[in-house]
Amino acid sequence: MEKYQLEDWVRKAKEGDRKALEQIVLRIKDQVYHLSLKMLLYPEEAKDATQDILIKIITHLGTFRGDSQFTTWVYRVATNMLLSRRGKKTQTLQLSFEEYAELIDRGQSEQVHYTQNEGELSLLEEEVKMSCTQGLLLCLGEKARLVYILGELLELTSQQGAEILSISPQNFRKILSRARSKIRGFLQQKCGLVRESNACRCKKKIDYLITDRIIDPKQLRFAPYSHRSIDLVNQLATLEKTVAVYRAPPSQLAPQDLLEKIKETLSLVQ
């Protein structure tokens, strides 16, 4: 029913129905933001990218011919724009897997000096986990990262992913296999959540990442939305954990003020 409504709103919006256009924005904004955040890591950059993508989708809605699902077309527009986008903050953390491994090994401490408050420690531990695993995605090249996000995290089929990226399903599967192998191999070698024998623990990195200004304890980017995904990961088998570190947290919703900006920019009204 929801699929029908979305396609129906698209038809109405193409006929000039501005209410239908607003409904489309409401339905797709979180998907676009989630994809942008996975690609760009920083919420502020993901927010700007999402705004640009939504504006392009709405202003180019007339080019949607209906020969694919509308959500596939949305992802195609989004991925094309994200591939050409270079976030300034994102680039500062875009390291090789070897460089990222060195970052993981540095600055681990047995005691957290920043705070002893259990509630704050819990949030900071989750923030480290989310920041670390999100940052790991940046070790992949842009196209491989998109393929990994679409195929492994969003669980789209190779046919869907290939259609979005305008490549063959075989090529999509090949890129996904390589990206999956790199991410899985890294996590199994370094991440204490995935393999108990690994030295790294999220709590051990809290002080270092705060001092290095990689995380801001006063403005957490991920922890308020993840509902202690660390606990969920710990309940799973090792092989499953390599994917669970990404899938366990819920998709983050687009910021509340983003819709208002879109309405203002495009003169949409409720």
C-alpha atoms as a PDB file:
ATOM      1  CA  MET A   1       0.000   0.000   0.000  1.00  0.00           C
ATOM      2  CA  GLU A   2       2.813   2.387   0.920  1.00  0.00           C
ATOM      3  CA  LYS A   3       4.608   1.660  -2.351  1.00  0.00           C
ATOM      4  CA  TYR A   4       1.420   2.456  -4.236  1.00  0.00           C
ATOM      5  CA  GLN A   5       1.010   5.708  -2.320  1.00  0.00           C
ATOM      6  CA  LEU A   6       4.537   6.821  -3.111  1.00  0.00           C
ATOM      7  CA  GLU A   7       4.183   6.092  -6.819  1.00  0.00           C
ATOM      8  CA  ASP A   8       0.791   7.778  -6.763  1.00  0.00           C
ATOM      9  CA  TRP A   9       2.248  10.878  -5.110  1.00  0.00           C
ATOM     10  CA  VAL A  10       4.949  10.973  -7.778  1.00  0.00           C
ATOM     11  CA  ARG A  11       2.302  10.948 -10.490  1.00  0.00           C
ATOM     12  CA  LYS A  12       0.339  13.694  -8.766  1.00  0.00           C
ATOM     13  CA  ALA A  13       3.454  15.775  -8.130  1.00  0.00           C
ATOM     14  CA  LYS A  14       4.392  15.586 -11.809  1.00  0.00           C
ATOM     15  CA  GLU A  15       0.921  16.956 -12.545  1.00  0.00           C
ATOM     16  CA  GLY A  16       1.642  19.961 -10.311  1.00  0.00           C
ATOM     17  CA  ASP A  17       0.267  18.816  -6.941  1.00  0.00           C
ATOM     18  CA  ARG A  18       2.545  20.519  -4.392  1.00  0.00           C
ATOM     19  CA  LYS A  19       1.076  18.591  -1.461  1.00  0.00           C
ATOM     20  CA  ALA A  20       2.106  15.369  -3.174  1.00  0.00           C
ATOM     21  CA  LEU A  21       5.581  16.812  -3.669  1.00  0.00           C
ATOM     22  CA  GLU A  22       5.844  17.463   0.044  1.00  0.00           C
ATOM     23  CA  GLN A  23       4.744  13.906   0.819  1.00  0.00           C
ATOM     24  CA  ILE A  24       7.520  12.600  -1.421  1.00  0.00           C
ATOM     25  CA  VAL A  25      10.082  14.632   0.557  1.00  0.00           C
ATOM     26  CA  LEU A  26       8.685  13.263   3.831  1.00  0.00           C
ATOM     27  CA  ARG A  27       8.992   9.678   2.579  1.00  0.00           C
ATOM     28  CA  ILE A  28      12.504   9.798   1.122  1.00  0.00           C
ATOM     29  CA  LYS A  29      14.394  12.302   3.302  1.00  0.00           C
ATOM     30  CA  ASP A  30      15.491   9.743   5.919  1.00  0.00           C
ATOM     31  CA  GLN A  31      16.698   7.252   3.289  1.00  0.00           C
ATOM     32  CA  VAL A  32      18.724   9.945   1.549  1.00  0.00           C
ATOM     33  CA  TYR A  33      20.168  11.244   4.819  1.00  0.00           C
ATOM     34  CA  HIS A  34      21.101   7.743   6.008  1.00  0.00           C
ATOM     35  CA  LEU A  35      22.956   7.047   2.753  1.00  0.00           C
ATOM     36  CA  SER A  36      24.668  10.456   2.867  1.00  0.00           C
ATOM     37  CA  LEU A  37      25.766   9.933   6.463  1.00  0.00           C
ATOM     38  CA  LYS A  38      27.279   6.544   5.683  1.00  0.00           C
ATOM     39  CA  MET A  39      29.195   8.087   2.800  1.00  0.00           C
ATOM     40  CA  LEU A  40      30.310  11.332   4.448  1.00  0.00           C
ATOM     41  CA  LEU A  41      30.527  10.407   8.171  1.00  0.00           C
ATOM     42  CA  TYR A  42      29.861  13.929   9.477  1.00  0.00           C
ATOM     43  CA  PRO A  43      26.185  14.808  10.127  1.00  0.00           C
ATOM     44  CA  GLU A  44      26.619  18.435   9.058  1.00  0.00           C
ATOM     45  CA  GLU A  45      28.074  17.401   5.699  1.00  0.00           C
ATOM     46  CA  ALA A  46      25.455  14.682   5.296  1.00  0.00           C
ATOM     47  CA  LYS A  47      22.743  17.251   6.029  1.00  0.00           C
ATOM     48  CA  ASP A  48      24.041  19.625   3.340  1.00  0.00           C
ATOM     49  CA  ALA A  49      24.333  16.775   0.853  1.00  0.00           C
ATOM     50  CA  THR A  50      20.811  15.572   1.656  1.00  0.00           C
ATOM     51  CA  GLN A  51      19.399  19.045   1.070  1.00  0.00           C
ATOM     52  CA  ASP A  52      21.116  19.300  -2.313  1.00  0.00           C
ATOM     53  CA  ILE A  53      19.999  15.797  -3.293  1.00  0.00           C
ATOM     54  CA  LEU A  54      16.368  16.410  -2.297  1.00  0.00           C
ATOM     55  CA  ILE A  55      16.280  19.675  -4.209  1.00  0.00           C
ATOM     56  CA  LYS A  56      17.674  17.948  -7.292  1.00  0.00           C
ATOM     57  CA  ILE A  57      15.166  15.110  -6.986  1.00  0.00           C
ATOM     58  CA  ILE A  58      12.232  17.508  -6.704  1.00  0.00           C
ATOM     59  CA  THR A  59      13.360  19.908  -9.409  1.00  0.00           C
ATOM     60  CA  HIS A  60      14.126  17.033 -11.799  1.00  0.00           C
ATOM     61  CA  LEU A  61      11.078  14.940 -10.960  1.00  0.00           C
ATOM     62  CA  GLY A  62       9.793  15.390 -14.489  1.00  0.00           C
ATOM     63  CA  THR A  63      12.705  13.316 -15.802  1.00  0.00           C
ATOM     64  CA  PHE A  64      11.554  10.246 -13.868  1.00  0.00           C
ATOM     65  CA  ARG A  65      10.020   8.053 -16.572  1.00  0.00           C
ATOM     66  CA  GLY A  66       8.720   5.292 -14.319  1.00  0.00           C
ATOM     67  CA  ASP A  67      10.730   2.505 -15.951  1.00  0.00           C
ATOM     68  CA  SER A  68      12.147   1.594 -12.515  1.00  0.00           C
ATOM     69  CA  GLN A  69      10.958   1.875  -8.932  1.00  0.00           C
ATOM     70  CA  PHE A  70      10.941   5.445  -7.715  1.00  0.00           C
ATOM     71  CA  THR A  71      13.211   4.609  -4.752  1.00  0.00           C
ATOM     72  CA  THR A  72      15.743   3.143  -7.204  1.00  0.00           C
ATOM     73  CA  TRP A  73      15.704   6.418  -9.134  1.00  0.00           C
ATOM     74  CA  VAL A  74      16.100   8.354  -5.864  1.00  0.00           C
ATOM     75  CA  TYR A  75      19.158   6.323  -4.935  1.00  0.00           C
ATOM     76  CA  ARG A  76      20.560   6.802  -8.452  1.00  0.00           C
ATOM     77  CA  VAL A  77      20.302  10.586  -8.158  1.00  0.00           C
ATOM     78  CA  ALA A  78      21.740  10.464  -4.625  1.00  0.00           C
ATOM     79  CA  THR A  79      24.692   8.220  -5.485  1.00  0.00           C
ATOM     80  CA  ASN A  80      25.612  10.282  -8.543  1.00  0.00           C
ATOM     81  CA  MET A  81      25.756  13.415  -6.415  1.00  0.00           C
ATOM     82  CA  LEU A  82      27.590  11.742  -3.544  1.00  0.00           C
ATOM     83  CA  LEU A  83      30.248  10.346  -5.884  1.00  0.00           C
ATOM     84  CA  SER A  84      31.045  13.856  -7.060  1.00  0.00           C
ATOM     85  CA  ARG A  85      30.943  15.396  -3.587  1.00  0.00           C
ATOM     86  CA  ARG A  86      34.078  15.938  -1.510  1.00  0.00           C
ATOM     87  CA  GLY A  87      33.300  16.738   2.096  1.00  0.00           C
ATOM     88  CA  LYS A  88      36.075  18.820   3.690  1.00  0.00           C
ATOM     89  CA  LYS A  89      35.849  17.108   7.072  1.00  0.00           C
ATOM     90  CA  THR A  90      35.324  13.718   5.466  1.00  0.00           C
ATOM     91  CA  GLN A  91      38.608  13.978   3.588  1.00  0.00           C
ATOM     92  CA  THR A  92      40.566  14.547   6.809  1.00  0.00           C
ATOM     93  CA  LEU A  93      39.651  11.030   8.000  1.00  0.00           C
ATOM     94  CA  GLN A  94      39.960   9.309   4.631  1.00  0.00           C
ATOM     95  CA  LEU A  95      42.869   6.990   5.425  1.00  0.00           C
ATOM     96  CA  SER A  96      44.198   3.770   3.961  1.00  0.00           C
ATOM     97  CA  PHE A  97      43.443   0.534   5.846  1.00  0.00           C
ATOM     98  CA  GLU A  98      47.077   0.477   7.001  1.00  0.00           C
ATOM     99  CA  GLU A  99      46.895   4.049   8.323  1.00  0.00           C
ATOM    100  CA  TYR A 100      43.574   3.306  10.013  1.00  0.00           C
ATOM    101  CA  ALA A 101      45.104   0.251  11.689  1.00  0.00           C
ATOM    102  CA  GLU A 102      47.820   2.499  13.137  1.00  0.00           C
ATOM    103  CA  LEU A 103      45.146   4.897  14.408  1.00  0.00           C
ATOM    104  CA  ILE A 104      43.352   1.988  16.089  1.00  0.00           C
ATOM    105  CA  ASP A 105      46.544   0.881  17.829  1.00  0.00           C
ATOM    106  CA  ARG A 106      47.402   4.330  19.165  1.00  0.00           C
ATOM    107  CA  GLY A 107      46.236   5.896  22.413  1.00  0.00           C
ATOM    108  CA  GLN A 108      44.566   2.982  24.194  1.00  0.00           C
ATOM    109  CA  SER A 109      44.300   3.459  27.940  1.00  0.00           C
ATOM    110  CA  GLU A 110      42.986   1.099  30.595  1.00  0.00           C
ATOM    111  CA  GLN A 111      41.322   3.895  32.583  1.00  0.00           C
ATOM    112  CA  VAL A 112      39.101   6.683  31.267  1.00  0.00           C
ATOM    113  CA  HIS A 113      40.209  10.005  32.719  1.00  0.00           C
ATOM    114  CA  TYR A 114      37.601  12.212  31.049  1.00  0.00           C
ATOM    115  CA  THR A 115      34.737  11.007  33.245  1.00  0.00           C
ATOM    116  CA  GLN A 116      33.788   8.292  35.720  1.00  0.00           C
ATOM    117  CA  ASN A 117      30.049   8.832  35.334  1.00  0.00           C
ATOM    118  CA  GLU A 118      28.588   5.518  34.166  1.00  0.00           C
ATOM    119  CA  GLY A 119      25.886   7.066  32.009  1.00  0.00           C
ATOM    120  CA  GLU A 120      28.353   9.347  30.244  1.00  0.00           C
ATOM    121  CA  LEU A 121      30.846   6.508  29.831  1.00  0.00           C
ATOM    122  CA  SER A 122      28.151   4.394  28.219  1.00  0.00           C
ATOM    123  CA  LEU A 123      27.364   7.124  25.693  1.00  0.00           C
ATOM    124  CA  LEU A 124      31.024   7.838  24.962  1.00  0.00           C
ATOM    125  CA  GLU A 125      31.791   4.161  24.457  1.00  0.00           C
ATOM    126  CA  GLU A 126      28.968   3.928  21.937  1.00  0.00           C
ATOM    127  CA  GLU A 127      30.155   7.134  20.242  1.00  0.00           C
ATOM    128  CA  VAL A 128      33.638   5.651  19.831  1.00  0.00           C
ATOM    129  CA  LYS A 129      32.214   2.460  18.369  1.00  0.00           C
ATOM    130  CA  MET A 130      30.046   4.293  15.879  1.00  0.00           C
ATOM    131  CA  SER A 131      32.729   6.819  14.916  1.00  0.00           C
ATOM    132  CA  CYS A 132      35.306   4.078  14.452  1.00  0.00           C
ATOM    133  CA  THR A 133      33.195   1.792  12.290  1.00  0.00           C
ATOM    134  CA  GLN A 134      31.845   4.700  10.253  1.00  0.00           C
ATOM    135  CA  GLY A 135      35.383   5.987   9.763  1.00  0.00           C
ATOM    136  CA  LEU A 136      36.454   2.549   8.583  1.00  0.00           C
ATOM    137  CA  LEU A 137      34.070   2.872   5.637  1.00  0.00           C
ATOM    138  CA  LEU A 138      36.125   5.842   4.465  1.00  0.00           C
ATOM    139  CA  CYS A 139      39.076   3.503   3.882  1.00  0.00           C
ATOM    140  CA  LEU A 140      37.167   2.215   0.864  1.00  0.00           C
ATOM    141  CA  GLY A 141      37.208   4.244  -2.336  1.00  0.00           C
ATOM    142  CA  GLU A 142      34.020   6.188  -3.054  1.00  0.00           C
ATOM    143  CA  LYS A 143      32.523   3.669  -5.481  1.00  0.00           C
ATOM    144  CA  ALA A 144      33.456   0.639  -3.392  1.00  0.00           C
ATOM    145  CA  ARG A 145      32.013   2.388  -0.335  1.00  0.00           C
ATOM    146  CA  LEU A 146      28.729   3.003  -2.122  1.00  0.00           C
ATOM    147  CA  VAL A 147      28.558  -0.593  -3.295  1.00  0.00           C
ATOM    148  CA  TYR A 148      29.242  -1.826   0.239  1.00  0.00           C
ATOM    149  CA  ILE A 149      26.589   0.459   1.721  1.00  0.00           C
ATOM    150  CA  LEU A 150      23.983  -0.519  -0.867  1.00  0.00           C
ATOM    151  CA  GLY A 151      24.729  -4.244  -0.925  1.00  0.00           C
ATOM    152  CA  GLU A 152      25.871  -5.056   2.603  1.00  0.00           C
ATOM    153  CA  LEU A 153      24.254  -2.442   4.843  1.00  0.00           C
ATOM    154  CA  LEU A 154      21.040  -1.616   2.959  1.00  0.00           C
ATOM    155  CA  GLU A 155      20.856  -5.222   1.697  1.00  0.00           C
ATOM    156  CA  LEU A 156      19.874  -4.358  -1.859  1.00  0.00           C
ATOM    157  CA  THR A 157      20.250  -7.071  -4.470  1.00  0.00           C
ATOM    158  CA  SER A 158      23.054  -6.955  -7.029  1.00  0.00           C
ATOM    159  CA  GLN A 159      20.416  -6.226  -9.673  1.00  0.00           C
ATOM    160  CA  GLN A 160      19.102  -3.230  -7.718  1.00  0.00           C
ATOM    161  CA  GLY A 161      22.588  -1.980  -6.877  1.00  0.00           C
ATOM    162  CA  ALA A 162      23.733  -2.352 -10.468  1.00  0.00           C
ATOM    163  CA  GLU A 163      20.725  -0.399 -11.711  1.00  0.00           C
ATOM    164  CA  ILE A 164      21.407   2.397  -9.227  1.00  0.00           C
ATOM    165  CA  LEU A 165      25.095   2.688 -10.135  1.00  0.00           C
ATOM    166  CA  SER A 166      24.680   1.948 -13.863  1.00  0.00           C
ATOM    167  CA  ILE A 167      27.029  -1.033 -13.805  1.00  0.00           C
ATOM    168  CA  SER A 168      26.489  -4.732 -14.469  1.00  0.00           C
ATOM    169  CA  PRO A 169      25.235  -7.003 -11.647  1.00  0.00           C
ATOM    170  CA  GLN A 170      28.412  -9.055 -12.080  1.00  0.00           C
ATOM    171  CA  ASN A 171      30.586  -5.978 -11.579  1.00  0.00           C
ATOM    172  CA  PHE A 172      28.512  -4.942  -8.565  1.00  0.00           C
ATOM    173  CA  ARG A 173      29.008  -8.372  -6.984  1.00  0.00           C
ATOM    174  CA  LYS A 174      32.740  -8.277  -7.665  1.00  0.00           C
ATOM    175  CA  ILE A 175      33.194  -4.831  -6.078  1.00  0.00           C
ATOM    176  CA  LEU A 176      30.987  -5.852  -3.137  1.00  0.00           C
ATOM    177  CA  SER A 177      32.967  -9.043  -2.566  1.00  0.00           C
ATOM    178  CA  ARG A 178      36.261  -7.155  -2.456  1.00  0.00           C
ATOM    179  CA  ALA A 179      34.911  -4.418  -0.189  1.00  0.00           C
ATOM    180  CA  ARG A 180      33.277  -6.963   2.116  1.00  0.00           C
ATOM    181  CA  SER A 181      36.533  -8.901   2.352  1.00  0.00           C
ATOM    182  CA  LYS A 182      38.510  -5.766   3.271  1.00  0.00           C
ATOM    183  CA  ILE A 183      36.035  -4.581   5.924  1.00  0.00           C
ATOM    184  CA  ARG A 184      35.503  -8.044   7.380  1.00  0.00           C
ATOM    185  CA  GLY A 185      39.221  -8.804   7.438  1.00  0.00           C
ATOM    186  CA  PHE A 186      40.024  -5.516   9.179  1.00  0.00           C
ATOM    187  CA  LEU A 187      37.347  -5.962  11.836  1.00  0.00           C
ATOM    188  CA  GLN A 188      38.377  -9.541  12.540  1.00  0.00           C
ATOM    189  CA  GLN A 189      42.005  -8.491  12.957  1.00  0.00           C
ATOM    190  CA  LYS A 190      41.472  -5.300  14.977  1.00  0.00           C
ATOM    191  CA  CYS A 191      38.023  -4.975  16.531  1.00  0.00           C
ATOM    192  CA  GLY A 192      37.506  -6.303  20.047  1.00  0.00           C
ATOM    193  CA  LEU A 193      33.757  -6.421  19.465  1.00  0.00           C
ATOM    194  CA  VAL A 194      34.181  -8.841  16.585  1.00  0.00           C
ATOM    195  CA  ARG A 195      36.937 -10.977  18.117  1.00  0.00           C
ATOM    196  CA  GLU A 196      37.487 -11.071  21.875  1.00  0.00           C
ATOM    197  CA  SER A 197      41.217 -11.784  21.507  1.00  0.00           C
ATOM    198  CA  ASN A 198      41.764  -8.419  19.765  1.00  0.00           C
ATOM    199  CA  ALA A 199      43.246  -5.776  22.072  1.00  0.00           C
ATOM    200  CA  CYS A 200      41.123  -2.799  20.997  1.00  0.00           C
ATOM    201  CA  ARG A 201      38.120  -1.865  23.117  1.00  0.00           C
ATOM    202  CA  CYS A 202      35.914   1.158  22.512  1.00  0.00           C
ATOM    203  CA  LYS A 203      36.267   2.362  26.108  1.00  0.00           C
ATOM    204  CA  LYS A 204      40.071   2.344  25.834  1.00  0.00           C
ATOM    205  CA  LYS A 205      39.929   4.868  22.979  1.00  0.00           C
ATOM    206  CA  ILE A 206      37.692   7.456  24.672  1.00  0.00           C
ATOM    207  CA  ASP A 207      40.408   9.739  26.087  1.00  0.00           C
ATOM    208  CA  TYR A 208      42.568   9.589  22.960  1.00  0.00           C
ATOM    209  CA  LEU A 209      39.741  10.410  20.548  1.00  0.00           C
ATOM    210  CA  ILE A 210      38.512  13.275  22.727  1.00  0.00           C
ATOM    211  CA  THR A 211      42.041  14.710  23.002  1.00  0.00           C
ATOM    212  CA  ASP A 212      42.541  14.316  19.257  1.00  0.00           C
ATOM    213  CA  ARG A 213      39.161  16.030  18.683  1.00  0.00           C
ATOM    214  CA  ILE A 214      37.842  13.137  16.644  1.00  0.00           C
ATOM    215  CA  ILE A 215      34.830  12.958  18.947  1.00  0.00           C
ATOM    216  CA  ASP A 216      33.261  15.849  20.851  1.00  0.00           C
ATOM    217  CA  PRO A 217      31.799  14.734  24.209  1.00  0.00           C
ATOM    218  CA  LYS A 218      29.591  17.826  24.279  1.00  0.00           C
ATOM    219  CA  GLN A 219      28.122  17.183  20.840  1.00  0.00           C
ATOM    220  CA  LEU A 220      27.821  13.473  20.151  1.00  0.00           C
ATOM    221  CA  ARG A 221      27.057  12.589  16.541  1.00  0.00           C
ATOM    222  CA  PHE A 222      25.884   8.979  16.840  1.00  0.00           C
ATOM    223  CA  ALA A 223      25.400   7.676  20.400  1.00  0.00           C
ATOM    224  CA  PRO A 224      22.015   9.342  21.091  1.00  0.00           C
ATOM    225  CA  TYR A 225      20.512   7.403  18.156  1.00  0.00           C
ATOM    226  CA  SER A 226      22.124   3.962  18.436  1.00  0.00           C
ATOM    227  CA  HIS A 227      20.569   2.516  21.620  1.00  0.00           C
ATOM    228  CA  ARG A 228      23.755   0.758  22.779  1.00  0.00           C
ATOM    229  CA  SER A 229      24.385  -1.260  19.633  1.00  0.00           C
ATOM    230  CA  ILE A 230      27.537  -2.539  21.376  1.00  0.00           C
ATOM    231  CA  ASP A 231      25.327  -4.727  23.576  1.00  0.00           C
ATOM    232  CA  LEU A 232      23.494  -6.110  20.544  1.00  0.00           C
ATOM    233  CA  VAL A 233      26.735  -6.970  18.755  1.00  0.00           C
ATOM    234  CA  ASN A 234      28.063  -8.831  21.799  1.00  0.00           C
ATOM    235  CA  GLN A 235      25.164 -11.283  21.591  1.00  0.00           C
ATOM    236  CA  LEU A 236      26.026 -12.515  18.100  1.00  0.00           C
ATOM    237  CA  ALA A 237      28.432 -15.044  16.624  1.00  0.00           C
ATOM    238  CA  THR A 238      31.801 -13.770  15.354  1.00  0.00           C
ATOM    239  CA  LEU A 239      31.039 -13.902  11.623  1.00  0.00           C
ATOM    240  CA  GLU A 240      27.746 -12.101  12.102  1.00  0.00           C
ATOM    241  CA  LYS A 241      29.429  -9.373  14.142  1.00  0.00           C
ATOM    242  CA  THR A 242      31.395  -8.033  11.180  1.00  0.00           C
ATOM    243  CA  VAL A 243      28.112  -6.884   9.656  1.00  0.00           C
ATOM    244  CA  ALA A 244      26.246  -6.292  12.919  1.00  0.00           C
ATOM    245  CA  VAL A 245      28.599  -3.479  13.950  1.00  0.00           C
ATOM    246  CA  TYR A 246      26.986  -1.525  11.109  1.00  0.00           C
ATOM    247  CA  ARG A 247      23.445  -2.902  11.022  1.00  0.00           C
ATOM    248  CA  ALA A 248      22.750  -2.943  14.764  1.00  0.00           C
ATOM    249  CA  PRO A 249      22.151   0.812  15.138  1.00  0.00           C
ATOM    250  CA  PRO A 250      18.862   2.076  13.684  1.00  0.00           C
ATOM    251  CA  SER A 251      18.967   4.294  10.627  1.00  0.00           C
ATOM    252  CA  GLN A 252      19.467   7.862  11.747  1.00  0.00           C
ATOM    253  CA  LEU A 253      16.649  10.201  10.840  1.00  0.00           C
ATOM    254  CA  ALA A 254      17.192  13.387   8.910  1.00  0.00           C
ATOM    255  CA  PRO A 255      17.473  16.481  11.155  1.00  0.00           C
ATOM    256  CA  GLN A 256      14.141  18.076  11.944  1.00  0.00           C
ATOM    257  CA  ASP A 257      15.063  21.428  10.459  1.00  0.00           C
ATOM    258  CA  LEU A 258      16.029  19.903   7.106  1.00  0.00           C
ATOM    259  CA  LEU A 259      12.431  19.627   5.918  1.00  0.00           C
ATOM    260  CA  GLU A 260      11.785  23.245   6.835  1.00  0.00           C
ATOM    261  CA  LYS A 261      14.808  24.286   4.793  1.00  0.00           C
ATOM    262  CA  ILE A 262      13.548  22.309   1.816  1.00  0.00           C
ATOM    263  CA  LYS A 263      10.096  23.870   2.165  1.00  0.00           C
ATOM    264  CA  GLU A 264      11.589  27.318   2.352  1.00  0.00           C
ATOM    265  CA  THR A 265      13.903  26.762  -0.594  1.00  0.00           C
ATOM    266  CA  LEU A 266      11.203  25.343  -2.818  1.00  0.00           C
ATOM    267  CA  SER A 267       8.372  27.466  -1.411  1.00  0.00           C
ATOM    268  CA  LEU A 268       6.494  24.385  -0.227  1.00  0.00           C
ATOM    269  CA  VAL A 269       3.680  24.820   2.282  1.00  0.00           C
ATOM    270  CA  GLN A 270       1.995  22.392   4.616  1.00  0.00           C
END
